[in-house]
Amino acid sequence: MGNSFTGQSIESARRALAAQLRSGLLDDAELDARILLGAVLGLDLTGLVTQATRPLTDAEASRLAQYAQRRVAGEPVARILGTKEFWGLPFRLSDATLVPRPDTETVVELALEVLRDREVKQPRIADIGTGSGAILLALLHEIPDAFGVGTDLSLTALGTARDNARALGLAGRAVFVACSYASALRGPFDLIVSNPPYIPSAEIPTLSIEVREHDPHLALDGGNDGYDAYRALIPQASECLAPGGALIVEAGQGQARNIETLMEAAGLTVDRPAKADLAGIPRAVSARKMPP
């Protein structure tokens, strides 16, 4: 496989790579081939088209073969490249962070709706289990006067989130704290968001190879029933919310109603329906701390 792209033109290498990925039964073979080839060559789609007849150098062919091998083995494109776009922003990844998923943008959408409804000036936002910082930094990008705190148990993840904040020009409005869920936070916060681990432990072996082999299990495993993280973080978050503040969490399929019950048990009020993702699954669940 090492020299399979040597001497090929950009266009023939793209076709050969797509065929190789298809033979590995990968769904998005054409798109993955274009992204990986573009990354090796430093070219966007237009560049790939206008330079289609240029031969690959030996170094480019070798690197492309390595990428192909990793992708066929089930490593996600975002892991191979070390970066993923979320909310239109580029995020660096590390072994300690999830690859941000489009479903999670539903949490950002609902958070912006909630803050707009309340017209909070200079909102204070906390992101519990921040990982790459994707949710928090997307919100800070959208709300120029907001200030945010991200927590994570993983120092590696916090380092990645700090790097992303710096790269996006948001480091002056974001701080990152090592702790379990919200245990180190005192508040008051106008908004607390979280995409906690919510996969029941027994289901992790059934996930796609891209997830089970390459996403950190700490960020996936929600315990026996999938609700361990919610049981820990919801009462902590409730304590840290300002009166009128909102907690918004991502939910797995079929989990929204049980999460709402946990929120109500912690003294919060569910005042709007869960927001569905593009597949129609109730994905972002919210509740408010009502003023006394």
C-alpha atoms as a PDB file:
ATOM      1  CA  MET A   1       0.000   0.000   0.000  1.00  0.00           C
ATOM      2  CA  GLY A   2       2.956   2.300   0.723  1.00  0.00           C
ATOM      3  CA  ASN A   3       3.581   3.269  -2.919  1.00  0.00           C
ATOM      4  CA  SER A   4       0.109   2.810  -4.387  1.00  0.00           C
ATOM      5  CA  PHE A   5      -0.223   6.547  -5.134  1.00  0.00           C
ATOM      6  CA  THR A   6       3.330   7.138  -6.392  1.00  0.00           C
ATOM      7  CA  GLY A   7       3.423   8.788  -9.798  1.00  0.00           C
ATOM      8  CA  GLN A   8      -0.342   9.314  -9.939  1.00  0.00           C
ATOM      9  CA  SER A   9      -1.960  12.633 -10.785  1.00  0.00           C
ATOM     10  CA  ILE A  10      -4.060  14.372  -8.163  1.00  0.00           C
ATOM     11  CA  GLU A  11      -7.266  13.285  -9.909  1.00  0.00           C
ATOM     12  CA  SER A  12      -6.227   9.650 -10.383  1.00  0.00           C
ATOM     13  CA  ALA A  13      -5.023   9.508  -6.766  1.00  0.00           C
ATOM     14  CA  ARG A  14      -8.387  10.864  -5.591  1.00  0.00           C
ATOM     15  CA  ARG A  15     -10.248   8.192  -7.572  1.00  0.00           C
ATOM     16  CA  ALA A  16      -7.915   5.437  -6.372  1.00  0.00           C
ATOM     17  CA  LEU A  17      -8.274   6.538  -2.756  1.00  0.00           C
ATOM     18  CA  ALA A  18     -12.082   6.686  -3.005  1.00  0.00           C
ATOM     19  CA  ALA A  19     -12.118   3.166  -4.461  1.00  0.00           C
ATOM     20  CA  GLN A  20      -9.859   1.931  -1.668  1.00  0.00           C
ATOM     21  CA  LEU A  21     -12.140   3.457   0.972  1.00  0.00           C
ATOM     22  CA  ARG A  22     -15.239   2.027  -0.707  1.00  0.00           C
ATOM     23  CA  SER A  23     -13.665  -1.422  -0.671  1.00  0.00           C
ATOM     24  CA  GLY A  24     -13.268  -0.902   3.080  1.00  0.00           C
ATOM     25  CA  LEU A  25     -17.079  -0.445   3.202  1.00  0.00           C
ATOM     26  CA  LEU A  26     -16.858   3.202   4.259  1.00  0.00           C
ATOM     27  CA  ASP A  27     -20.026   5.192   3.557  1.00  0.00           C
ATOM     28  CA  ASP A  28     -18.549   8.592   2.708  1.00  0.00           C
ATOM     29  CA  ALA A  29     -15.668   7.319   0.584  1.00  0.00           C
ATOM     30  CA  GLU A  30     -15.791  10.135  -2.005  1.00  0.00           C
ATOM     31  CA  LEU A  31     -15.955  12.915   0.578  1.00  0.00           C
ATOM     32  CA  ASP A  32     -13.308  11.338   2.820  1.00  0.00           C
ATOM     33  CA  ALA A  33     -10.980  10.895  -0.158  1.00  0.00           C
ATOM     34  CA  ARG A  34     -11.333  14.547  -1.112  1.00  0.00           C
ATOM     35  CA  ILE A  35     -10.750  15.776   2.456  1.00  0.00           C
ATOM     36  CA  LEU A  36      -7.711  13.549   3.059  1.00  0.00           C
ATOM     37  CA  LEU A  37      -6.119  14.351  -0.301  1.00  0.00           C
ATOM     38  CA  GLY A  38      -6.777  18.062   0.222  1.00  0.00           C
ATOM     39  CA  ALA A  39      -5.123  17.871   3.651  1.00  0.00           C
ATOM     40  CA  VAL A  40      -2.030  16.144   2.277  1.00  0.00           C
ATOM     41  CA  LEU A  41      -1.674  18.689  -0.522  1.00  0.00           C
ATOM     42  CA  GLY A  42      -2.875  21.789   1.342  1.00  0.00           C
ATOM     43  CA  LEU A  43      -5.519  22.343  -1.317  1.00  0.00           C
ATOM     44  CA  ASP A  44      -9.247  23.134  -1.155  1.00  0.00           C
ATOM     45  CA  LEU A  45     -11.775  21.685  -3.615  1.00  0.00           C
ATOM     46  CA  THR A  46     -11.000  24.357  -6.227  1.00  0.00           C
ATOM     47  CA  GLY A  47      -7.278  23.613  -5.951  1.00  0.00           C
ATOM     48  CA  LEU A  48      -7.873  19.873  -6.361  1.00  0.00           C
ATOM     49  CA  VAL A  49      -9.827  20.587  -9.561  1.00  0.00           C
ATOM     50  CA  THR A  50      -7.477  23.186 -11.096  1.00  0.00           C
ATOM     51  CA  GLN A  51      -4.366  21.106 -10.345  1.00  0.00           C
ATOM     52  CA  ALA A  52      -5.974  17.761 -11.215  1.00  0.00           C
ATOM     53  CA  THR A  53      -3.209  16.724 -13.636  1.00  0.00           C
ATOM     54  CA  ARG A  54      -0.264  17.523 -11.349  1.00  0.00           C
ATOM     55  CA  PRO A  55       1.603  14.394 -10.253  1.00  0.00           C
ATOM     56  CA  LEU A  56       1.959  13.674  -6.556  1.00  0.00           C
ATOM     57  CA  THR A  57       5.462  13.889  -5.109  1.00  0.00           C
ATOM     58  CA  ASP A  58       6.863  10.769  -3.440  1.00  0.00           C
ATOM     59  CA  ALA A  59       6.375  12.396  -0.006  1.00  0.00           C
ATOM     60  CA  GLU A  60       2.733  13.259  -0.797  1.00  0.00           C
ATOM     61  CA  ALA A  61       2.050   9.752  -2.100  1.00  0.00           C
ATOM     62  CA  SER A  62       3.586   8.209   1.020  1.00  0.00           C
ATOM     63  CA  ARG A  63       1.586  10.415   3.383  1.00  0.00           C
ATOM     64  CA  LEU A  64      -1.633   9.750   1.477  1.00  0.00           C
ATOM     65  CA  ALA A  65      -1.019   5.995   1.704  1.00  0.00           C
ATOM     66  CA  GLN A  66      -0.596   6.318   5.492  1.00  0.00           C
ATOM     67  CA  TYR A  67      -3.861   8.267   5.759  1.00  0.00           C
ATOM     68  CA  ALA A  68      -5.643   5.675   3.606  1.00  0.00           C
ATOM     69  CA  GLN A  69      -4.405   2.835   5.805  1.00  0.00           C
ATOM     70  CA  ARG A  70      -5.599   4.593   8.977  1.00  0.00           C
ATOM     71  CA  ARG A  71      -9.011   5.409   7.492  1.00  0.00           C
ATOM     72  CA  VAL A  72      -9.613   1.852   6.222  1.00  0.00           C
ATOM     73  CA  ALA A  73      -8.732   0.627   9.731  1.00  0.00           C
ATOM     74  CA  GLY A  74     -11.664   2.694  11.050  1.00  0.00           C
ATOM     75  CA  GLU A  75      -9.926   5.828  12.316  1.00  0.00           C
ATOM     76  CA  PRO A  76     -12.203   8.856  11.705  1.00  0.00           C
ATOM     77  CA  VAL A  77     -11.021  11.557   9.299  1.00  0.00           C
ATOM     78  CA  ALA A  78     -11.171  14.121  12.124  1.00  0.00           C
ATOM     79  CA  ARG A  79      -8.767  11.994  14.222  1.00  0.00           C
ATOM     80  CA  ILE A  80      -6.373  11.539  11.300  1.00  0.00           C
ATOM     81  CA  LEU A  81      -6.269  15.289  10.661  1.00  0.00           C
ATOM     82  CA  GLY A  82      -6.479  16.229  14.358  1.00  0.00           C
ATOM     83  CA  THR A  83      -9.158  18.820  13.711  1.00  0.00           C
ATOM     84  CA  LYS A  84     -12.938  19.062  13.279  1.00  0.00           C
ATOM     85  CA  GLU A  85     -15.292  21.878  12.380  1.00  0.00           C
ATOM     86  CA  PHE A  86     -18.119  22.648  14.827  1.00  0.00           C
ATOM     87  CA  TRP A  87     -20.490  25.596  14.556  1.00  0.00           C
ATOM     88  CA  GLY A  88     -18.418  26.764  11.585  1.00  0.00           C
ATOM     89  CA  LEU A  89     -15.268  26.987  13.754  1.00  0.00           C
ATOM     90  CA  PRO A  90     -12.140  24.782  13.590  1.00  0.00           C
ATOM     91  CA  PHE A  91     -11.366  22.766  16.729  1.00  0.00           C
ATOM     92  CA  ARG A  92      -8.150  20.906  17.441  1.00  0.00           C
ATOM     93  CA  LEU A  93      -8.689  17.457  18.955  1.00  0.00           C
ATOM     94  CA  SER A  94      -6.684  15.243  21.290  1.00  0.00           C
ATOM     95  CA  ASP A  95      -6.972  11.668  22.517  1.00  0.00           C
ATOM     96  CA  ALA A  96      -8.862  12.988  25.567  1.00  0.00           C
ATOM     97  CA  THR A  97     -11.599  14.791  23.596  1.00  0.00           C
ATOM     98  CA  LEU A  98     -14.637  13.607  21.684  1.00  0.00           C
ATOM     99  CA  VAL A  99     -14.933  14.502  18.030  1.00  0.00           C
ATOM    100  CA  PRO A 100     -17.638  17.220  18.155  1.00  0.00           C
ATOM    101  CA  ARG A 101     -20.802  16.037  16.381  1.00  0.00           C
ATOM    102  CA  PRO A 102     -23.385  18.048  14.438  1.00  0.00           C
ATOM    103  CA  ASP A 103     -26.073  16.788  16.883  1.00  0.00           C
ATOM    104  CA  THR A 104     -24.378  18.756  19.650  1.00  0.00           C
ATOM    105  CA  GLU A 105     -24.944  22.014  17.755  1.00  0.00           C
ATOM    106  CA  THR A 106     -28.566  21.597  18.939  1.00  0.00           C
ATOM    107  CA  VAL A 107     -27.345  22.444  22.462  1.00  0.00           C
ATOM    108  CA  VAL A 108     -25.739  25.651  21.152  1.00  0.00           C
ATOM    109  CA  GLU A 109     -28.925  26.582  19.254  1.00  0.00           C
ATOM    110  CA  LEU A 110     -31.128  26.115  22.328  1.00  0.00           C
ATOM    111  CA  ALA A 111     -28.660  27.972  24.554  1.00  0.00           C
ATOM    112  CA  LEU A 112     -28.735  30.988  22.221  1.00  0.00           C
ATOM    113  CA  GLU A 113     -32.556  30.910  22.170  1.00  0.00           C
ATOM    114  CA  VAL A 114     -32.708  30.816  25.975  1.00  0.00           C
ATOM    115  CA  LEU A 115     -30.250  33.690  26.389  1.00  0.00           C
ATOM    116  CA  ARG A 116     -32.026  35.798  23.749  1.00  0.00           C
ATOM    117  CA  ASP A 117     -35.364  35.280  25.515  1.00  0.00           C
ATOM    118  CA  ARG A 118     -33.915  36.510  28.792  1.00  0.00           C
ATOM    119  CA  GLU A 119     -31.814  39.338  27.293  1.00  0.00           C
ATOM    120  CA  VAL A 120     -29.042  38.798  29.839  1.00  0.00           C
ATOM    121  CA  LYS A 121     -26.223  41.345  29.685  1.00  0.00           C
ATOM    122  CA  GLN A 122     -22.692  39.918  29.987  1.00  0.00           C
ATOM    123  CA  PRO A 123     -23.894  36.360  30.653  1.00  0.00           C
ATOM    124  CA  ARG A 124     -21.736  34.004  32.691  1.00  0.00           C
ATOM    125  CA  ILE A 125     -21.642  30.552  31.111  1.00  0.00           C
ATOM    126  CA  ALA A 126     -20.290  27.231  32.416  1.00  0.00           C
ATOM    127  CA  ASP A 127     -19.637  24.165  30.253  1.00  0.00           C
ATOM    128  CA  ILE A 128     -19.446  20.947  32.292  1.00  0.00           C
ATOM    129  CA  GLY A 129     -17.130  18.333  30.763  1.00  0.00           C
ATOM    130  CA  THR A 130     -15.939  20.777  28.123  1.00  0.00           C
ATOM    131  CA  GLY A 131     -13.649  18.415  26.179  1.00  0.00           C
ATOM    132  CA  SER A 132     -12.326  20.354  23.177  1.00  0.00           C
ATOM    133  CA  GLY A 133     -14.251  23.410  24.398  1.00  0.00           C
ATOM    134  CA  ALA A 134     -16.585  23.218  21.398  1.00  0.00           C
ATOM    135  CA  ILE A 135     -19.902  24.172  23.059  1.00  0.00           C
ATOM    136  CA  LEU A 136     -18.464  26.899  25.297  1.00  0.00           C
ATOM    137  CA  LEU A 137     -16.323  28.501  22.600  1.00  0.00           C
ATOM    138  CA  ALA A 138     -19.153  28.411  20.040  1.00  0.00           C
ATOM    139  CA  LEU A 139     -21.310  30.324  22.547  1.00  0.00           C
ATOM    140  CA  LEU A 140     -18.571  32.845  23.375  1.00  0.00           C
ATOM    141  CA  HIS A 141     -18.048  33.364  19.641  1.00  0.00           C
ATOM    142  CA  GLU A 142     -21.762  34.172  19.231  1.00  0.00           C
ATOM    143  CA  ILE A 143     -22.096  36.336  22.373  1.00  0.00           C
ATOM    144  CA  PRO A 144     -19.279  38.924  22.412  1.00  0.00           C
ATOM    145  CA  ASP A 145     -19.932  40.109  25.981  1.00  0.00           C
ATOM    146  CA  ALA A 146     -20.189  36.628  27.548  1.00  0.00           C
ATOM    147  CA  PHE A 147     -17.620  35.077  29.892  1.00  0.00           C
ATOM    148  CA  GLY A 148     -17.207  31.316  30.222  1.00  0.00           C
ATOM    149  CA  VAL A 149     -15.766  28.586  32.432  1.00  0.00           C
ATOM    150  CA  GLY A 150     -15.125  25.067  31.147  1.00  0.00           C
ATOM    151  CA  THR A 151     -14.579  22.111  33.484  1.00  0.00           C
ATOM    152  CA  ASP A 152     -13.160  18.681  32.747  1.00  0.00           C
ATOM    153  CA  LEU A 153     -11.665  15.793  34.679  1.00  0.00           C
ATOM    154  CA  SER A 154      -8.951  15.419  32.014  1.00  0.00           C
ATOM    155  CA  LEU A 155      -5.979  17.808  32.112  1.00  0.00           C
ATOM    156  CA  THR A 156      -5.208  16.835  28.516  1.00  0.00           C
ATOM    157  CA  ALA A 157      -8.704  17.835  27.416  1.00  0.00           C
ATOM    158  CA  LEU A 158      -8.392  21.149  29.275  1.00  0.00           C
ATOM    159  CA  GLY A 159      -5.100  21.830  27.510  1.00  0.00           C
ATOM    160  CA  THR A 160      -6.776  21.176  24.171  1.00  0.00           C
ATOM    161  CA  ALA A 161      -9.688  23.482  25.083  1.00  0.00           C
ATOM    162  CA  ARG A 162      -7.262  26.240  26.143  1.00  0.00           C
ATOM    163  CA  ASP A 163      -5.398  25.908  22.842  1.00  0.00           C
ATOM    164  CA  ASN A 164      -8.700  26.164  20.944  1.00  0.00           C
ATOM    165  CA  ALA A 165      -9.726  29.256  22.933  1.00  0.00           C
ATOM    166  CA  ARG A 166      -6.392  30.878  22.069  1.00  0.00           C
ATOM    167  CA  ALA A 167      -6.609  29.956  18.385  1.00  0.00           C
ATOM    168  CA  LEU A 168     -10.145  31.362  18.139  1.00  0.00           C
ATOM    169  CA  GLY A 169      -9.203  34.622  19.887  1.00  0.00           C
ATOM    170  CA  LEU A 170     -11.407  33.806  22.892  1.00  0.00           C
ATOM    171  CA  ALA A 171      -8.788  33.124  25.577  1.00  0.00           C
ATOM    172  CA  GLY A 172      -9.495  36.445  27.288  1.00  0.00           C
ATOM    173  CA  ARG A 173     -13.086  35.403  28.032  1.00  0.00           C
ATOM    174  CA  ALA A 174     -12.625  31.723  28.903  1.00  0.00           C
ATOM    175  CA  VAL A 175     -11.047  29.927  31.852  1.00  0.00           C
ATOM    176  CA  PHE A 176     -10.708  26.181  32.303  1.00  0.00           C
ATOM    177  CA  VAL A 177     -10.838  24.258  35.580  1.00  0.00           C
ATOM    178  CA  ALA A 178      -9.979  20.646  36.431  1.00  0.00           C
ATOM    179  CA  CYS A 179     -12.751  19.063  38.510  1.00  0.00           C
ATOM    180  CA  SER A 180     -15.502  16.450  38.445  1.00  0.00           C
ATOM    181  CA  TYR A 181     -18.518  17.979  36.715  1.00  0.00           C
ATOM    182  CA  ALA A 182     -19.412  21.271  38.495  1.00  0.00           C
ATOM    183  CA  SER A 183     -17.830  20.394  41.855  1.00  0.00           C
ATOM    184  CA  ALA A 184     -15.331  23.317  41.785  1.00  0.00           C
ATOM    185  CA  LEU A 185     -17.815  25.925  40.539  1.00  0.00           C
ATOM    186  CA  ARG A 186     -19.556  28.425  42.785  1.00  0.00           C
ATOM    187  CA  GLY A 187     -21.575  30.587  40.383  1.00  0.00           C
ATOM    188  CA  PRO A 188     -23.845  32.323  39.938  1.00  0.00           C
ATOM    189  CA  PHE A 189     -24.082  31.341  36.258  1.00  0.00           C
ATOM    190  CA  ASP A 190     -26.760  32.531  33.852  1.00  0.00           C
ATOM    191  CA  LEU A 191     -26.325  29.425  31.714  1.00  0.00           C
ATOM    192  CA  ILE A 192     -24.807  26.001  32.310  1.00  0.00           C
ATOM    193  CA  VAL A 193     -24.384  23.615  29.373  1.00  0.00           C
ATOM    194  CA  SER A 194     -23.109  20.053  29.190  1.00  0.00           C
ATOM    195  CA  ASN A 195     -22.670  17.152  26.805  1.00  0.00           C
ATOM    196  CA  PRO A 196     -22.002  14.487  29.442  1.00  0.00           C
ATOM    197  CA  PRO A 197     -21.238  10.790  28.902  1.00  0.00           C
ATOM    198  CA  TYR A 198     -24.605   9.093  28.380  1.00  0.00           C
ATOM    199  CA  ILE A 199     -23.997   5.720  26.701  1.00  0.00           C
ATOM    200  CA  PRO A 200     -24.954   2.772  28.969  1.00  0.00           C
ATOM    201  CA  SER A 201     -21.753   0.840  29.704  1.00  0.00           C
ATOM    202  CA  ALA A 202     -23.010  -2.391  28.101  1.00  0.00           C
ATOM    203  CA  GLU A 203     -23.729  -0.596  24.801  1.00  0.00           C
ATOM    204  CA  ILE A 204     -20.213   0.769  24.256  1.00  0.00           C
ATOM    205  CA  PRO A 205     -18.956  -2.427  22.515  1.00  0.00           C
ATOM    206  CA  THR A 206     -21.860  -2.099  20.032  1.00  0.00           C
ATOM    207  CA  LEU A 207     -20.883   1.442  18.906  1.00  0.00           C
ATOM    208  CA  SER A 208     -19.206   2.026  15.561  1.00  0.00           C
ATOM    209  CA  ILE A 209     -15.462   1.351  15.446  1.00  0.00           C
ATOM    210  CA  GLU A 210     -14.888   5.081  14.879  1.00  0.00           C
ATOM    211  CA  VAL A 211     -16.427   5.844  18.265  1.00  0.00           C
ATOM    212  CA  ARG A 212     -15.584   2.838  20.440  1.00  0.00           C
ATOM    213  CA  GLU A 213     -11.936   2.604  19.341  1.00  0.00           C
ATOM    214  CA  HIS A 214     -11.121   6.305  18.996  1.00  0.00           C
ATOM    215  CA  ASP A 215     -13.294   8.407  21.339  1.00  0.00           C
ATOM    216  CA  PRO A 216     -12.250   8.492  25.023  1.00  0.00           C
ATOM    217  CA  HIS A 217     -14.399   6.096  27.080  1.00  0.00           C
ATOM    218  CA  LEU A 218     -14.437   8.607  29.938  1.00  0.00           C
ATOM    219  CA  ALA A 219     -16.504  10.885  27.662  1.00  0.00           C
ATOM    220  CA  LEU A 220     -18.850   8.074  26.539  1.00  0.00           C
ATOM    221  CA  ASP A 221     -19.598   5.809  29.503  1.00  0.00           C
ATOM    222  CA  GLY A 222     -22.742   6.892  31.353  1.00  0.00           C
ATOM    223  CA  GLY A 223     -22.780   3.933  33.749  1.00  0.00           C
ATOM    224  CA  ASN A 224     -25.189   0.990  33.856  1.00  0.00           C
ATOM    225  CA  ASP A 225     -28.273   2.928  32.743  1.00  0.00           C
ATOM    226  CA  GLY A 226     -26.597   5.886  31.022  1.00  0.00           C
ATOM    227  CA  TYR A 227     -27.666   8.456  33.652  1.00  0.00           C
ATOM    228  CA  ASP A 228     -24.735   8.478  36.111  1.00  0.00           C
ATOM    229  CA  ALA A 229     -23.373  11.805  34.821  1.00  0.00           C
ATOM    230  CA  TYR A 230     -26.789  13.486  34.898  1.00  0.00           C
ATOM    231  CA  ARG A 231     -27.394  12.333  38.472  1.00  0.00           C
ATOM    232  CA  ALA A 232     -24.080  13.910  39.489  1.00  0.00           C
ATOM    233  CA  LEU A 233     -24.084  17.125  37.494  1.00  0.00           C
ATOM    234  CA  ILE A 234     -27.743  18.260  37.609  1.00  0.00           C
ATOM    235  CA  PRO A 235     -27.878  18.885  41.410  1.00  0.00           C
ATOM    236  CA  GLN A 236     -24.418  20.534  41.287  1.00  0.00           C
ATOM    237  CA  ALA A 237     -25.460  22.759  38.371  1.00  0.00           C
ATOM    238  CA  SER A 238     -28.716  23.689  40.074  1.00  0.00           C
ATOM    239  CA  GLU A 239     -26.741  25.048  43.044  1.00  0.00           C
ATOM    240  CA  CYS A 240     -24.566  27.171  40.736  1.00  0.00           C
ATOM    241  CA  LEU A 241     -27.346  28.752  38.653  1.00  0.00           C
ATOM    242  CA  ALA A 242     -28.419  32.356  39.133  1.00  0.00           C
ATOM    243  CA  PRO A 243     -32.160  32.896  39.693  1.00  0.00           C
ATOM    244  CA  GLY A 244     -33.723  32.625  36.236  1.00  0.00           C
ATOM    245  CA  GLY A 245     -30.635  30.807  34.942  1.00  0.00           C
ATOM    246  CA  ALA A 246     -30.909  27.755  32.700  1.00  0.00           C
ATOM    247  CA  LEU A 247     -29.274  24.329  32.513  1.00  0.00           C
ATOM    248  CA  ILE A 248     -29.100  22.740  29.053  1.00  0.00           C
ATOM    249  CA  VAL A 249     -27.744  19.221  28.508  1.00  0.00           C
ATOM    250  CA  GLU A 250     -27.396  16.924  25.543  1.00  0.00           C
ATOM    251  CA  ALA A 251     -29.472  13.740  25.711  1.00  0.00           C
ATOM    252  CA  GLY A 252     -29.120  10.364  24.064  1.00  0.00           C
ATOM    253  CA  GLN A 253     -31.995   8.829  22.118  1.00  0.00           C
ATOM    254  CA  GLY A 254     -34.988   8.216  24.390  1.00  0.00           C
ATOM    255  CA  GLN A 255     -33.400   9.890  27.423  1.00  0.00           C
ATOM    256  CA  ALA A 256     -34.995  13.371  27.378  1.00  0.00           C
ATOM    257  CA  ARG A 257     -37.984  12.654  29.627  1.00  0.00           C
ATOM    258  CA  ASN A 258     -35.912  10.913  32.324  1.00  0.00           C
ATOM    259  CA  ILE A 259     -33.449  13.808  32.312  1.00  0.00           C
ATOM    260  CA  GLU A 260     -36.316  16.276  32.771  1.00  0.00           C
ATOM    261  CA  THR A 261     -37.444  14.227  35.799  1.00  0.00           C
ATOM    262  CA  LEU A 262     -33.935  14.474  37.285  1.00  0.00           C
ATOM    263  CA  MET A 263     -33.943  18.235  36.656  1.00  0.00           C
ATOM    264  CA  GLU A 264     -37.299  18.654  38.399  1.00  0.00           C
ATOM    265  CA  ALA A 265     -36.079  16.545  41.334  1.00  0.00           C
ATOM    266  CA  ALA A 266     -33.171  19.015  41.702  1.00  0.00           C
ATOM    267  CA  GLY A 267     -35.625  21.920  42.033  1.00  0.00           C
ATOM    268  CA  LEU A 268     -35.448  23.130  38.427  1.00  0.00           C
ATOM    269  CA  THR A 269     -38.471  23.916  36.241  1.00  0.00           C
ATOM    270  CA  VAL A 270     -38.799  22.439  32.748  1.00  0.00           C
ATOM    271  CA  ASP A 271     -40.359  25.390  30.913  1.00  0.00           C
ATOM    272  CA  ARG A 272     -39.883  24.403  27.266  1.00  0.00           C
ATOM    273  CA  PRO A 273     -39.838  21.190  25.242  1.00  0.00           C
ATOM    274  CA  ALA A 274     -36.591  19.451  24.431  1.00  0.00           C
ATOM    275  CA  LYS A 275     -35.090  20.660  21.145  1.00  0.00           C
ATOM    276  CA  ALA A 276     -34.786  18.004  18.439  1.00  0.00           C
ATOM    277  CA  ASP A 277     -31.729  17.486  16.269  1.00  0.00           C
ATOM    278  CA  LEU A 278     -31.884  17.149  12.465  1.00  0.00           C
ATOM    279  CA  ALA A 279     -32.947  13.498  12.805  1.00  0.00           C
ATOM    280  CA  GLY A 280     -35.908  14.516  14.992  1.00  0.00           C
ATOM    281  CA  ILE A 281     -34.412  13.056  18.191  1.00  0.00           C
ATOM    282  CA  PRO A 282     -35.012  15.231  21.314  1.00  0.00           C
ATOM    283  CA  ARG A 283     -31.371  16.202  21.814  1.00  0.00           C
ATOM    284  CA  ALA A 284     -31.117  19.348  23.976  1.00  0.00           C
ATOM    285  CA  VAL A 285     -32.982  19.318  27.305  1.00  0.00           C
ATOM    286  CA  SER A 286     -33.349  22.472  29.387  1.00  0.00           C
ATOM    287  CA  ALA A 287     -34.705  23.642  32.718  1.00  0.00           C
ATOM    288  CA  ARG A 288     -34.640  26.926  34.635  1.00  0.00           C
ATOM    289  CA  LYS A 289     -33.980  27.912  38.215  1.00  0.00           C
ATOM    290  CA  MET A 290     -37.019  29.998  38.976  1.00  0.00           C
ATOM    291  CA  PRO A 291     -36.509  33.206  40.995  1.00  0.00           C
ATOM    292  CA  PRO A 292     -37.773  32.899  44.594  1.00  0.00           C
END
